[in-house]
Amino acid sequence: MIIAGGLGGHVSTTELARHEGITVLYTEHHGWLLHWLRRRLGDAGVADDLAQDTFVSLMNSGNASDIRQPRPFLATIARRLIAHRHRRQLLENSYLDYLATLPEEVAPPPERRLQALQALQQVDQALDGLPARVREAFLLAHLEGLRYAQIAERLGVSASSVKQYLTRANRQCLFALAF
């Protein structure tokens, strides 16, 4: 069944039910999630942002109607977003710390710094969707400069697995930066 929507569009009953389900989840659990995040983060502004991001992530997943235990599910999404934010901050801080060590005459101008931070954020987003070992192999290779054998030893896998991990991660990052 199709229902006429605003602005001349049409909304299926399935789509309408999905939106209603998210609205109910938001209404019943947003306050709890916000309080949960504020206790953990100690920063109301960041907690507000992450609560919104949690529900946006839920909306984008398309599986709100499948949730049986909303609070643990929302907490899991929020924990992932907290970890992602923390990882992004570490990456940015590492870059800024590196820039602080450069002599002023060779340090990039502010607009290049911003471009580099934006590229780092794109790489971080690309890595976010990868399995933990693939992500870790990429970071060990590119941030610590380790070789395949060293990464393999650190991760407890074969060098050929490391090669596969890095191929996958590099491809993901190149695709993210190209588009």
Protein backbone atom coordinates (compact mmCIF):
# COMPACT_ATOMS: atom_id res chain seq x y z
CA MET A 1 0.00 0.00 0.00
CA ILE A 2 1.24 3.50 -0.88
CA ILE A 3 0.27 6.60 1.07
CA ALA A 4 0.57 10.06 -0.42
CA GLY A 5 3.32 11.98 1.30
CA GLY A 6 4.12 15.66 1.55
CA LEU A 7 5.60 17.58 -1.37
CA GLY A 8 3.97 15.26 -3.89
CA GLY A 9 5.89 12.17 -2.77
CA HIS A 10 4.62 8.79 -1.76
CA VAL A 11 5.53 6.79 1.32
CA SER A 12 4.96 3.06 1.60
CA THR A 13 3.32 1.68 4.71
CA THR A 14 6.57 -0.18 5.42
CA GLU A 15 8.54 3.06 5.27
CA LEU A 16 5.95 4.80 7.44
CA ALA A 17 6.13 1.99 10.03
CA ARG A 18 9.94 2.24 10.03
CA HIS A 19 9.81 5.98 10.71
CA GLU A 20 7.22 5.50 13.42
CA GLY A 21 9.39 2.81 15.04
CA ILE A 22 12.38 5.15 15.12
CA THR A 23 10.20 7.94 16.49
CA VAL A 24 9.01 5.67 19.30
CA LEU A 25 12.58 4.56 20.08
CA TYR A 26 13.74 8.17 20.08
CA THR A 27 10.89 9.34 22.30
CA GLU A 28 11.25 6.51 24.80
CA HIS A 29 15.05 6.20 24.95
CA HIS A 30 16.75 9.45 23.89
CA GLY A 31 16.68 10.90 27.42
CA TRP A 32 18.14 7.71 28.87
CA LEU A 33 20.87 7.57 26.20
CA LEU A 34 21.75 11.22 26.70
CA HIS A 35 22.09 10.71 30.47
CA TRP A 36 24.15 7.54 29.88
CA LEU A 37 26.51 9.39 27.53
CA ARG A 38 26.85 12.43 29.81
CA ARG A 39 27.85 10.20 32.74
CA ARG A 40 30.51 8.47 30.64
CA LEU A 41 31.86 11.49 28.79
CA GLY A 42 31.47 14.32 31.28
CA ASP A 43 30.79 16.72 28.41
CA ALA A 44 27.16 17.59 27.72
CA GLY A 45 27.86 18.99 24.23
CA VAL A 46 29.71 15.90 23.05
CA ALA A 47 27.05 13.70 24.66
CA ASP A 48 24.32 15.59 22.77
CA ASP A 49 26.16 15.13 19.48
CA LEU A 50 26.79 11.43 20.05
CA ALA A 51 23.17 10.80 21.10
CA GLN A 52 22.02 12.34 17.82
CA ASP A 53 24.64 10.41 15.88
CA THR A 54 23.46 7.20 17.54
CA PHE A 55 19.92 7.70 16.28
CA VAL A 56 21.13 8.77 12.83
CA SER A 57 23.16 5.56 12.69
CA LEU A 58 20.10 3.59 13.74
CA MET A 59 18.00 5.28 11.04
CA ASN A 60 20.62 4.53 8.40
CA SER A 61 20.85 0.88 9.45
CA GLY A 62 17.22 0.25 8.56
CA ASN A 63 16.76 -2.37 11.29
CA ALA A 64 15.01 -0.38 14.02
CA SER A 65 12.00 -2.68 13.85
CA ASP A 66 14.19 -5.71 14.65
CA ILE A 67 15.43 -4.34 17.99
CA ARG A 68 14.25 -6.38 20.96
CA GLN A 69 16.29 -4.66 23.70
CA PRO A 70 16.62 -1.00 22.71
CA ARG A 71 18.86 0.29 25.48
CA PRO A 72 21.65 -2.28 25.12
CA PHE A 73 21.43 -1.87 21.36
CA LEU A 74 21.65 1.94 21.56
CA ALA A 75 24.51 1.67 24.07
CA THR A 76 26.41 -0.58 21.65
CA ILE A 77 26.02 1.93 18.82
CA ALA A 78 27.02 4.77 21.16
CA ARG A 79 30.12 2.88 22.39
CA ARG A 80 31.21 2.37 18.79
CA LEU A 81 30.73 6.07 18.10
CA ILE A 82 32.67 6.99 21.26
CA ALA A 83 35.54 4.73 20.17
CA HIS A 84 35.45 6.20 16.67
CA ARG A 85 35.53 9.74 18.06
CA HIS A 86 38.37 8.88 20.41
CA ARG A 87 40.38 7.28 17.61
CA ARG A 88 39.81 10.32 15.39
CA GLN A 89 40.94 12.65 18.18
CA LEU A 90 44.10 10.59 18.73
CA LEU A 91 44.86 10.75 15.04
CA GLU A 92 44.31 14.51 14.91
CA ASN A 93 46.37 15.07 18.06
CA SER A 94 49.21 12.96 16.67
CA TYR A 95 49.21 15.01 13.50
CA LEU A 96 49.13 18.30 15.40
CA ASP A 97 51.91 17.10 17.73
CA TYR A 98 54.00 16.21 14.69
CA LEU A 99 53.38 19.65 13.17
CA ALA A 100 54.47 21.29 16.43
CA THR A 101 57.89 19.62 16.08
CA LEU A 102 58.48 21.14 12.64
CA PRO A 103 60.42 24.36 12.26
CA GLU A 104 58.09 27.21 11.39
CA GLU A 105 59.59 27.71 7.94
CA VAL A 106 58.73 24.14 6.84
CA ALA A 107 55.40 23.75 8.65
CA PRO A 108 52.41 23.75 6.29
CA PRO A 109 50.13 26.78 6.25
CA PRO A 110 46.78 26.57 8.11
CA GLU A 111 44.74 25.71 4.99
CA ARG A 112 47.04 22.73 4.22
CA ARG A 113 46.74 21.61 7.84
CA LEU A 114 42.96 21.67 7.55
CA GLN A 115 43.10 19.71 4.29
CA ALA A 116 45.37 17.13 5.90
CA LEU A 117 43.05 16.79 8.92
CA GLN A 118 40.09 16.32 6.59
CA ALA A 119 41.98 13.64 4.66
CA LEU A 120 42.86 11.92 7.95
CA GLN A 121 39.18 11.96 8.90
CA GLN A 122 38.28 10.37 5.54
CA VAL A 123 40.90 7.66 6.08
CA ASP A 124 39.59 7.10 9.60
CA GLN A 125 36.03 6.75 8.30
CA ALA A 126 37.20 4.30 5.64
CA LEU A 127 39.02 2.25 8.28
CA ASP A 128 36.00 2.30 10.59
CA GLY A 129 34.14 -0.20 8.42
CA LEU A 130 37.00 -2.70 8.34
CA PRO A 131 37.65 -5.62 10.70
CA ALA A 132 39.88 -4.82 13.70
CA ARG A 133 42.92 -6.78 12.45
CA VAL A 134 42.80 -5.11 9.04
CA ARG A 135 42.61 -1.69 10.69
CA GLU A 136 45.42 -2.50 13.09
CA ALA A 137 47.67 -3.83 10.32
CA PHE A 138 47.12 -0.61 8.37
CA LEU A 139 47.95 1.57 11.36
CA LEU A 140 51.04 -0.47 12.27
CA ALA A 141 52.32 -0.22 8.70
CA HIS A 142 51.56 3.44 8.09
CA LEU A 143 51.96 5.03 11.51
CA GLU A 144 54.67 2.88 13.06
CA GLY A 145 56.39 1.92 9.82
CA LEU A 146 56.46 -1.79 10.62
CA ARG A 147 57.21 -4.38 7.91
CA TYR A 148 54.94 -7.31 7.05
CA ALA A 149 56.90 -9.76 9.22
CA GLN A 150 56.80 -7.43 12.22
CA ILE A 151 53.07 -6.83 11.82
CA ALA A 152 52.47 -10.56 11.39
CA GLU A 153 54.34 -11.26 14.62
CA ARG A 154 52.48 -8.54 16.50
CA LEU A 155 49.06 -9.73 15.27
CA GLY A 156 49.86 -13.44 15.46
CA VAL A 157 49.09 -14.06 11.78
CA SER A 158 51.06 -14.95 8.66
CA ALA A 159 52.84 -12.39 6.50
CA SER A 160 50.50 -13.32 3.63
CA SER A 161 47.52 -12.43 5.86
CA VAL A 162 49.15 -9.07 6.58
CA LYS A 163 49.56 -8.52 2.84
CA GLN A 164 45.86 -9.26 2.32
CA TYR A 165 44.90 -6.97 5.23
CA LEU A 166 46.98 -4.10 3.88
CA THR A 167 45.71 -4.57 0.33
CA ARG A 168 42.14 -4.41 1.62
CA ALA A 169 42.76 -1.39 3.88
CA ASN A 170 44.73 0.52 1.25
CA ARG A 171 42.05 -0.12 -1.36
CA GLN A 172 39.36 1.06 1.06
CA CYS A 173 41.30 4.25 1.85
CA LEU A 174 42.10 5.01 -1.77
CA PHE A 175 38.45 4.59 -2.70
CA ALA A 176 37.36 6.85 0.20
CA LEU A 177 39.83 9.58 -0.75
CA ALA A 178 39.06 9.38 -4.47
CA PHE A 179 35.33 9.98 -4.03
